[in-house]
C-alpha atoms as a PDB file:
ATOM      1  CA  UNK A   1       2.318  -7.474  -8.628  1.00  0.00           C
ATOM      2  CA  UNK A   2       2.276 -10.645 -11.105  1.00  0.00           C
ATOM      3  CA  UNK A   3       4.548 -11.402 -13.542  1.00  0.00           C
ATOM      4  CA  UNK A   4       2.333 -10.038 -16.254  1.00  0.00           C
ATOM      5  CA  UNK A   5       1.820  -6.862 -14.558  1.00  0.00           C
ATOM      6  CA  UNK A   6       5.454  -6.080 -14.408  1.00  0.00           C
ATOM      7  CA  UNK A   7       6.150  -7.229 -18.088  1.00  0.00           C
ATOM      8  CA  UNK A   8       3.645  -4.754 -19.222  1.00  0.00           C
ATOM      9  CA  UNK A   9       5.516  -1.932 -16.864  1.00  0.00           C
ATOM     10  CA  UNK A  10       8.355  -3.011 -18.575  1.00  0.00           C
ATOM     11  CA  UNK A  11       6.902  -2.932 -22.131  1.00  0.00           C
ATOM     12  CA  UNK A  12       5.680   0.254 -21.327  1.00  0.00           C
ATOM     13  CA  UNK A  13       9.251   1.522 -20.266  1.00  0.00           C
ATOM     14  CA  UNK A  14      10.513   0.235 -23.631  1.00  0.00           C
ATOM     15  CA  UNK A  15       8.044   2.017 -25.544  1.00  0.00           C
ATOM     16  CA  UNK A  16       8.198   5.287 -23.822  1.00  0.00           C
ATOM     17  CA  UNK A  17      12.002   4.938 -25.241  1.00  0.00           C
ATOM     18  CA  UNK A  18      10.936   4.261 -28.741  1.00  0.00           C
ATOM     19  CA  UNK A  19      12.855   1.165 -28.549  1.00  0.00           C
ATOM     20  CA  UNK A  20       9.940  -0.552 -30.330  1.00  0.00           C
ATOM     21  CA  UNK A  21      10.046   1.737 -33.101  1.00  0.00           C
ATOM     22  CA  UNK A  22      11.062   0.207 -36.244  1.00  0.00           C
ATOM     23  CA  UNK A  23      14.030   2.582 -36.870  1.00  0.00           C
ATOM     24  CA  UNK A  24      15.257   2.378 -33.347  1.00  0.00           C
ATOM     25  CA  UNK A  25      19.178   1.869 -32.767  1.00  0.00           C
ATOM     26  CA  UNK A  26      18.209  -0.433 -30.056  1.00  0.00           C
ATOM     27  CA  UNK A  27      16.183  -3.113 -32.250  1.00  0.00           C
ATOM     28  CA  UNK A  28      14.418  -5.607 -29.419  1.00  0.00           C
ATOM     29  CA  UNK A  29      14.722  -8.537 -31.185  1.00  0.00           C
ATOM     30  CA  UNK A  30      14.961 -11.814 -29.377  1.00  0.00           C
ATOM     31  CA  UNK A  31      18.830 -12.402 -30.059  1.00  0.00           C
ATOM     32  CA  UNK A  32      19.753  -8.505 -28.786  1.00  0.00           C
ATOM     33  CA  UNK A  33      17.494  -9.816 -25.601  1.00  0.00           C
ATOM     34  CA  UNK A  34      19.361 -12.703 -25.058  1.00  0.00           C
ATOM     35  CA  UNK A  35      22.874 -10.615 -25.219  1.00  0.00           C
ATOM     36  CA  UNK A  36      21.687  -8.102 -23.045  1.00  0.00           C
ATOM     37  CA  UNK A  37      20.550 -10.907 -20.554  1.00  0.00           C
ATOM     38  CA  UNK A  38      23.494 -12.631 -20.649  1.00  0.00           C
ATOM     39  CA  UNK A  39      25.800  -9.415 -20.019  1.00  0.00           C
ATOM     40  CA  UNK A  40      23.325  -8.359 -17.313  1.00  0.00           C
ATOM     41  CA  UNK A  41      24.147 -11.609 -15.545  1.00  0.00           C
ATOM     42  CA  UNK A  42      27.572 -11.082 -16.050  1.00  0.00           C
ATOM     43  CA  UNK A  43      27.388  -7.855 -14.176  1.00  0.00           C
ATOM     44  CA  UNK A  44      25.538  -9.908 -11.640  1.00  0.00           C
ATOM     45  CA  UNK A  45      28.750 -12.009 -11.078  1.00  0.00           C
ATOM     46  CA  UNK A  46      31.226  -9.230 -11.233  1.00  0.00           C
ATOM     47  CA  UNK A  47      29.579  -8.598  -7.610  1.00  0.00           C
ATOM     48  CA  UNK A  48      31.658 -11.629  -5.995  1.00  0.00           C
ATOM     49  CA  UNK A  49      34.632 -11.516  -8.875  1.00  0.00           C
ATOM     50  CA  UNK A  50      36.887 -11.335  -5.773  1.00  0.00           C
ATOM     51  CA  UNK A  51      35.448 -12.244  -2.502  1.00  0.00           C
ATOM     52  CA  UNK A  52      31.832 -13.122  -0.738  1.00  0.00           C
ATOM     53  CA  UNK A  53      30.657  -9.178   0.369  1.00  0.00           C
ATOM     54  CA  UNK A  54      28.394  -7.163  -1.984  1.00  0.00           C
ATOM     55  CA  UNK A  55      26.488  -4.344  -1.318  1.00  0.00           C
ATOM     56  CA  UNK A  56      22.999  -5.182  -1.320  1.00  0.00           C
ATOM     57  CA  UNK A  57      21.757  -2.184  -2.997  1.00  0.00           C
ATOM     58  CA  UNK A  58      23.981  -2.393  -5.518  1.00  0.00           C
ATOM     59  CA  UNK A  59      23.131  -6.316  -6.572  1.00  0.00           C
ATOM     60  CA  UNK A  60      19.376  -5.333  -6.295  1.00  0.00           C
ATOM     61  CA  UNK A  61      19.862  -2.888  -9.331  1.00  0.00           C
ATOM     62  CA  UNK A  62      21.646  -5.467 -11.191  1.00  0.00           C
ATOM     63  CA  UNK A  63      19.164  -8.638 -10.177  1.00  0.00           C
ATOM     64  CA  UNK A  64      16.378  -6.181 -11.237  1.00  0.00           C
ATOM     65  CA  UNK A  65      18.432  -5.588 -14.990  1.00  0.00           C
ATOM     66  CA  UNK A  66      18.412  -9.469 -15.183  1.00  0.00           C
ATOM     67  CA  UNK A  67      14.386  -9.823 -14.634  1.00  0.00           C
ATOM     68  CA  UNK A  68      13.416  -7.009 -16.793  1.00  0.00           C
ATOM     69  CA  UNK A  69      15.476  -8.428 -19.784  1.00  0.00           C
ATOM     70  CA  UNK A  70      14.094 -12.087 -18.780  1.00  0.00           C
ATOM     71  CA  UNK A  71      10.707 -10.684 -18.994  1.00  0.00           C
ATOM     72  CA  UNK A  72      10.893  -8.917 -21.721  1.00  0.00           C
ATOM     73  CA  UNK A  73      12.440 -12.031 -23.498  1.00  0.00           C
ATOM     74  CA  UNK A  74      10.267 -14.362 -22.931  1.00  0.00           C
ATOM     75  CA  UNK A  75       7.515 -12.119 -23.741  1.00  0.00           C
ATOM     76  CA  UNK A  76       8.710 -10.989 -27.278  1.00  0.00           C
ATOM     77  CA  UNK A  77       9.269 -15.011 -27.618  1.00  0.00           C
ATOM     78  CA  UNK A  78       5.500 -15.554 -26.781  1.00  0.00           C
ATOM     79  CA  UNK A  79       6.753 -17.704 -23.643  1.00  0.00           C
ATOM     80  CA  UNK A  80       4.395 -17.980 -20.428  1.00  0.00           C
ATOM     81  CA  UNK A  81       7.361 -17.397 -18.239  1.00  0.00           C
ATOM     82  CA  UNK A  82       5.148 -18.327 -15.187  1.00  0.00           C
ATOM     83  CA  UNK A  83       4.020 -21.528 -16.878  1.00  0.00           C
ATOM     84  CA  UNK A  84       7.346 -22.443 -17.826  1.00  0.00           C
ATOM     85  CA  UNK A  85       8.731 -22.073 -14.572  1.00  0.00           C
ATOM     86  CA  UNK A  86       6.372 -24.169 -12.985  1.00  0.00           C
ATOM     87  CA  UNK A  87       6.973 -26.611 -15.697  1.00  0.00           C
ATOM     88  CA  UNK A  88      11.075 -26.892 -15.298  1.00  0.00           C
ATOM     89  CA  UNK A  89      10.344 -27.315 -11.746  1.00  0.00           C
ATOM     90  CA  UNK A  90       8.127 -30.352 -11.970  1.00  0.00           C
ATOM     91  CA  UNK A  91      10.994 -31.590 -14.103  1.00  0.00           C
ATOM     92  CA  UNK A  92      13.553 -30.677 -11.764  1.00  0.00           C
ATOM     93  CA  UNK A  93      11.839 -32.166  -8.891  1.00  0.00           C
ATOM     94  CA  UNK A  94      12.318 -35.859 -10.864  1.00  0.00           C
ATOM     95  CA  UNK A  95      16.164 -34.968 -11.357  1.00  0.00           C
ATOM     96  CA  UNK A  96      18.742 -36.205  -9.099  1.00  0.00           C
ATOM     97  CA  UNK A  97      22.332 -34.670  -9.221  1.00  0.00           C
ATOM     98  CA  UNK A  98      25.191 -36.077  -8.105  1.00  0.00           C
END
């Protein structure tokens, strides 16, 4: 499945919940999506708070939440996520880290 197909599935889900409606209490603005993305990323970190052990299925759910918010934020902001990733990999290939 492609990034575009996953993005469409995510949009279909959000639409089915009515969250794209103008009067939705869960406004899908870039700011709100970025906040949600950050919160979900923190939930990934929570799995490693006290040790290196994790439950694979639980971690997978949190990673999926992060990915869904990332897809949605990129789409709402009209960013081609696939191209952005390719561009960033090219930039990083030229960088060095201490």
